[in-house]
Amino acid sequence: MRLTSVTVLFVVALLLRTTGGVTPREVPGLLLIGSGDLAANFLFGIASSRGQVSIASVLGSLYPVVTTLLARVVVKERLQRVQQAGVVLAVGGAVLIAL
């Protein structure tokens, strides 16, 4: 799936002769993000084939929590109370399901 989307984006960029506003300075960060996404999907595939699918899918669905926490750590974004409650409830729910 990733190979297909990268190929399509590459062809579109060639046809339109644009990179969509991506500067050369941003490429290393984008490659790091893409590599992280690829690794996460690979590890999810391993976890769901060798472990309990119910636990792997619940933990895999927590990616918005990780994104929210990274926003807090990396760009110092403050979480609103409702977001904090959502993080606590999501992690608590994952713990309960994993038990």
N, C-alpha and C. Protein backbone atom coordinates (compact mmCIF):
# COMPACT_ATOMS: atom_id res chain seq x y z
N MET A 1 0.82 -1.18 0.00
CA MET A 1 0.00 0.00 0.00
C MET A 1 0.88 1.26 0.00
N ARG A 2 1.91 1.24 0.84
CA ARG A 2 2.80 2.41 0.90
C ARG A 2 3.55 2.60 -0.42
N LEU A 3 3.98 1.50 -1.00
CA LEU A 3 4.71 1.58 -2.26
C LEU A 3 3.83 2.17 -3.35
N THR A 4 2.57 1.78 -3.38
CA THR A 4 1.64 2.30 -4.37
C THR A 4 1.42 3.80 -4.17
N SER A 5 1.21 4.23 -2.93
CA SER A 5 0.95 5.65 -2.70
C SER A 5 2.18 6.50 -3.02
N VAL A 6 3.37 6.01 -2.69
CA VAL A 6 4.59 6.75 -3.02
C VAL A 6 4.77 6.84 -4.52
N THR A 7 4.49 5.74 -5.23
CA THR A 7 4.61 5.74 -6.69
C THR A 7 3.63 6.73 -7.33
N VAL A 8 2.39 6.71 -6.86
CA VAL A 8 1.38 7.64 -7.40
C VAL A 8 1.79 9.08 -7.12
N LEU A 9 2.23 9.37 -5.91
CA LEU A 9 2.65 10.74 -5.58
C LEU A 9 3.86 11.17 -6.42
N PHE A 10 4.78 10.25 -6.66
CA PHE A 10 5.94 10.55 -7.47
C PHE A 10 5.54 10.88 -8.90
N VAL A 11 4.63 10.09 -9.48
CA VAL A 11 4.15 10.34 -10.84
C VAL A 11 3.41 11.67 -10.93
N VAL A 12 2.56 11.95 -9.95
CA VAL A 12 1.83 13.23 -9.93
C VAL A 12 2.81 14.39 -9.82
N ALA A 13 3.83 14.27 -8.98
CA ALA A 13 4.84 15.33 -8.85
C ALA A 13 5.57 15.55 -10.16
N LEU A 14 5.86 14.48 -10.87
CA LEU A 14 6.54 14.62 -12.17
C LEU A 14 5.63 15.29 -13.19
N LEU A 15 4.36 14.88 -13.22
CA LEU A 15 3.43 15.46 -14.19
C LEU A 15 3.14 16.93 -13.90
N LEU A 16 2.97 17.27 -12.64
CA LEU A 16 2.66 18.66 -12.27
C LEU A 16 3.90 19.52 -12.09
N ARG A 17 5.05 18.87 -12.08
CA ARG A 17 6.33 19.55 -11.89
C ARG A 17 6.34 20.38 -10.61
N THR A 18 5.84 19.77 -9.54
CA THR A 18 5.84 20.42 -8.24
C THR A 18 6.02 19.37 -7.16
N THR A 19 6.57 19.80 -6.05
CA THR A 19 6.74 18.89 -4.91
C THR A 19 5.70 19.16 -3.84
N GLY A 20 4.72 19.96 -4.17
CA GLY A 20 3.67 20.24 -3.20
C GLY A 20 4.09 21.17 -2.09
N GLY A 21 5.11 21.94 -2.31
CA GLY A 21 5.57 22.89 -1.29
C GLY A 21 6.60 22.33 -0.35
N VAL A 22 7.08 21.12 -0.59
CA VAL A 22 8.11 20.52 0.26
C VAL A 22 9.47 21.08 -0.14
N THR A 23 10.18 21.60 0.85
CA THR A 23 11.52 22.12 0.59
C THR A 23 12.55 21.05 0.91
N PRO A 24 13.74 21.16 0.33
CA PRO A 24 14.79 20.17 0.62
C PRO A 24 15.12 20.06 2.12
N ARG A 25 14.95 21.13 2.83
CA ARG A 25 15.23 21.13 4.27
C ARG A 25 14.26 20.23 5.03
N GLU A 26 13.05 20.05 4.52
CA GLU A 26 12.04 19.24 5.19
C GLU A 26 12.14 17.75 4.88
N VAL A 27 12.90 17.39 3.86
CA VAL A 27 12.97 15.99 3.41
C VAL A 27 13.48 15.04 4.49
N PRO A 28 14.56 15.36 5.23
CA PRO A 28 15.01 14.41 6.27
C PRO A 28 13.94 14.14 7.33
N GLY A 29 13.24 15.16 7.76
CA GLY A 29 12.16 14.97 8.73
C GLY A 29 11.03 14.12 8.18
N LEU A 30 10.69 14.35 6.92
CA LEU A 30 9.64 13.55 6.29
C LEU A 30 10.06 12.09 6.13
N LEU A 31 11.33 11.87 5.81
CA LEU A 31 11.83 10.50 5.71
C LEU A 31 11.80 9.82 7.07
N LEU A 32 12.11 10.54 8.13
CA LEU A 32 12.05 9.98 9.48
C LEU A 32 10.62 9.62 9.85
N ILE A 33 9.69 10.50 9.55
CA ILE A 33 8.27 10.24 9.83
C ILE A 33 7.79 9.02 9.03
N GLY A 34 8.13 8.97 7.76
CA GLY A 34 7.74 7.84 6.93
C GLY A 34 8.34 6.53 7.40
N SER A 35 9.59 6.59 7.84
CA SER A 35 10.24 5.38 8.37
C SER A 35 9.57 4.92 9.65
N GLY A 36 9.19 5.86 10.50
CA GLY A 36 8.47 5.52 11.72
C GLY A 36 7.13 4.88 11.42
N ASP A 37 6.43 5.41 10.44
CA ASP A 37 5.14 4.85 10.05
C ASP A 37 5.31 3.43 9.49
N LEU A 38 6.32 3.26 8.67
CA LEU A 38 6.60 1.94 8.10
C LEU A 38 6.95 0.93 9.20
N ALA A 39 7.78 1.35 10.14
CA ALA A 39 8.16 0.47 11.25
C ALA A 39 6.95 0.12 12.11
N ALA A 40 6.08 1.09 12.36
CA ALA A 40 4.89 0.83 13.17
C ALA A 40 3.98 -0.18 12.49
N ASN A 41 3.76 -0.04 11.20
CA ASN A 41 2.92 -1.00 10.48
C ASN A 41 3.56 -2.39 10.44
N PHE A 42 4.86 -2.44 10.28
CA PHE A 42 5.58 -3.72 10.28
C PHE A 42 5.45 -4.40 11.64
N LEU A 43 5.67 -3.65 12.71
CA LEU A 43 5.58 -4.22 14.05
C LEU A 43 4.16 -4.63 14.39
N PHE A 44 3.17 -3.86 13.92
CA PHE A 44 1.78 -4.26 14.14
C PHE A 44 1.48 -5.57 13.43
N GLY A 45 2.00 -5.74 12.23
CA GLY A 45 1.81 -6.99 11.50
C GLY A 45 2.42 -8.17 12.23
N ILE A 46 3.61 -7.98 12.76
CA ILE A 46 4.24 -9.05 13.53
C ILE A 46 3.43 -9.35 14.79
N ALA A 47 3.03 -8.30 15.51
CA ALA A 47 2.29 -8.50 16.76
C ALA A 47 0.96 -9.18 16.52
N SER A 48 0.28 -8.83 15.45
CA SER A 48 -1.03 -9.44 15.21
C SER A 48 -0.92 -10.85 14.65
N SER A 49 0.22 -11.23 14.11
CA SER A 49 0.36 -12.59 13.61
C SER A 49 0.97 -13.54 14.64
N ARG A 50 1.72 -13.00 15.59
CA ARG A 50 2.38 -13.85 16.58
C ARG A 50 1.79 -13.74 17.97
N GLY A 51 1.01 -12.71 18.21
CA GLY A 51 0.46 -12.51 19.54
C GLY A 51 -1.05 -12.50 19.50
N GLN A 52 -1.63 -11.96 20.53
CA GLN A 52 -3.08 -11.85 20.58
C GLN A 52 -3.51 -10.63 19.76
N VAL A 53 -4.34 -10.88 18.77
CA VAL A 53 -4.80 -9.82 17.88
C VAL A 53 -5.58 -8.76 18.65
N SER A 54 -6.33 -9.17 19.64
CA SER A 54 -7.14 -8.21 20.41
C SER A 54 -6.25 -7.19 21.10
N ILE A 55 -5.15 -7.62 21.66
CA ILE A 55 -4.25 -6.68 22.35
C ILE A 55 -3.51 -5.82 21.34
N ALA A 56 -3.03 -6.43 20.26
CA ALA A 56 -2.29 -5.67 19.25
C ALA A 56 -3.16 -4.59 18.62
N SER A 57 -4.42 -4.90 18.35
CA SER A 57 -5.29 -3.91 17.71
C SER A 57 -5.65 -2.79 18.67
N VAL A 58 -5.85 -3.10 19.94
CA VAL A 58 -6.15 -2.05 20.92
C VAL A 58 -4.95 -1.13 21.09
N LEU A 59 -3.78 -1.71 21.24
CA LEU A 59 -2.58 -0.87 21.39
C LEU A 59 -2.30 -0.08 20.11
N GLY A 60 -2.57 -0.68 18.96
CA GLY A 60 -2.39 0.03 17.70
C GLY A 60 -3.34 1.20 17.54
N SER A 61 -4.51 1.09 18.14
CA SER A 61 -5.48 2.18 18.03
C SER A 61 -5.16 3.35 18.93
N LEU A 62 -4.13 3.23 19.75
CA LEU A 62 -3.75 4.32 20.65
C LEU A 62 -2.83 5.35 19.98
N TYR A 63 -2.63 5.26 18.66
CA TYR A 63 -1.71 6.19 18.03
C TYR A 63 -2.10 7.66 18.20
N PRO A 64 -3.39 8.03 18.29
CA PRO A 64 -3.69 9.45 18.55
C PRO A 64 -3.18 9.92 19.91
N VAL A 65 -3.15 9.03 20.87
CA VAL A 65 -2.61 9.38 22.19
C VAL A 65 -1.11 9.68 22.07
N VAL A 66 -0.41 8.84 21.33
CA VAL A 66 1.03 9.06 21.13
C VAL A 66 1.26 10.37 20.39
N THR A 67 0.45 10.65 19.38
CA THR A 67 0.58 11.90 18.64
C THR A 67 0.36 13.10 19.55
N THR A 68 -0.65 13.01 20.40
CA THR A 68 -0.95 14.09 21.34
C THR A 68 0.20 14.29 22.32
N LEU A 69 0.74 13.22 22.84
CA LEU A 69 1.86 13.34 23.79
C LEU A 69 3.12 13.87 23.11
N LEU A 70 3.35 13.45 21.86
CA LEU A 70 4.50 13.99 21.13
C LEU A 70 4.35 15.48 20.86
N ALA A 71 3.13 15.92 20.59
CA ALA A 71 2.89 17.35 20.39
C ALA A 71 3.21 18.11 21.67
N ARG A 72 2.90 17.53 22.79
CA ARG A 72 3.21 18.16 24.08
C ARG A 72 4.70 18.23 24.31
N VAL A 73 5.40 17.15 24.02
CA VAL A 73 6.84 17.09 24.30
C VAL A 73 7.64 17.88 23.27
N VAL A 74 7.32 17.72 21.99
CA VAL A 74 8.15 18.31 20.93
C VAL A 74 7.87 19.79 20.73
N VAL A 75 6.62 20.17 20.59
CA VAL A 75 6.29 21.57 20.30
C VAL A 75 5.65 22.29 21.47
N LYS A 76 5.68 21.67 22.63
CA LYS A 76 5.17 22.28 23.88
C LYS A 76 3.70 22.67 23.79
N GLU A 77 2.95 21.92 23.03
CA GLU A 77 1.51 22.20 22.92
C GLU A 77 0.83 21.74 24.20
N ARG A 78 -0.03 22.58 24.71
CA ARG A 78 -0.73 22.26 25.96
C ARG A 78 -2.02 21.53 25.66
N LEU A 79 -2.26 20.50 26.44
CA LEU A 79 -3.50 19.75 26.29
C LEU A 79 -4.60 20.42 27.09
N GLN A 80 -5.78 20.51 26.49
CA GLN A 80 -6.93 21.00 27.22
C GLN A 80 -7.40 19.89 28.15
N ARG A 81 -8.23 20.25 29.12
CA ARG A 81 -8.71 19.27 30.10
C ARG A 81 -9.40 18.08 29.43
N VAL A 82 -10.21 18.37 28.42
CA VAL A 82 -10.92 17.29 27.74
C VAL A 82 -9.94 16.36 27.01
N GLN A 83 -8.85 16.92 26.49
CA GLN A 83 -7.83 16.10 25.84
C GLN A 83 -7.08 15.25 26.87
N GLN A 84 -6.78 15.85 28.00
CA GLN A 84 -6.12 15.08 29.06
C GLN A 84 -7.02 13.92 29.52
N ALA A 85 -8.29 14.21 29.67
CA ALA A 85 -9.23 13.16 30.06
C ALA A 85 -9.30 12.08 28.99
N GLY A 86 -9.28 12.46 27.73
CA GLY A 86 -9.30 11.49 26.64
C GLY A 86 -8.08 10.58 26.65
N VAL A 87 -6.92 11.15 26.91
CA VAL A 87 -5.69 10.35 26.98
C VAL A 87 -5.79 9.36 28.14
N VAL A 88 -6.22 9.82 29.29
CA VAL A 88 -6.32 8.94 30.46
C VAL A 88 -7.34 7.82 30.21
N LEU A 89 -8.50 8.19 29.64
CA LEU A 89 -9.51 7.18 29.38
C LEU A 89 -9.07 6.17 28.32
N ALA A 90 -8.38 6.64 27.28
CA ALA A 90 -7.93 5.73 26.23
C ALA A 90 -6.89 4.75 26.77
N VAL A 91 -5.94 5.24 27.53
CA VAL A 91 -4.92 4.36 28.09
C VAL A 91 -5.55 3.42 29.12
N GLY A 92 -6.46 3.94 29.94
CA GLY A 92 -7.15 3.09 30.92
C GLY A 92 -7.98 2.00 30.24
N GLY A 93 -8.64 2.36 29.15
CA GLY A 93 -9.41 1.36 28.41
C GLY A 93 -8.54 0.28 27.80
N ALA A 94 -7.38 0.69 27.29
CA ALA A 94 -6.45 -0.28 26.72
C ALA A 94 -5.94 -1.25 27.80
N VAL A 95 -5.68 -0.71 28.98
CA VAL A 95 -5.23 -1.57 30.09
C VAL A 95 -6.33 -2.56 30.46
N LEU A 96 -7.56 -2.07 30.55
CA LEU A 96 -8.66 -2.96 30.91
C LEU A 96 -8.88 -4.06 29.88
N ILE A 97 -8.79 -3.72 28.61
CA ILE A 97 -8.98 -4.73 27.57
C ILE A 97 -7.83 -5.73 27.57
N ALA A 98 -6.64 -5.26 27.84
CA ALA A 98 -5.47 -6.13 27.83
C ALA A 98 -5.47 -7.13 28.99
N LEU A 99 -6.21 -6.79 30.04
CA LEU A 99 -6.27 -7.70 31.18
C LEU A 99 -7.11 -8.87 30.79
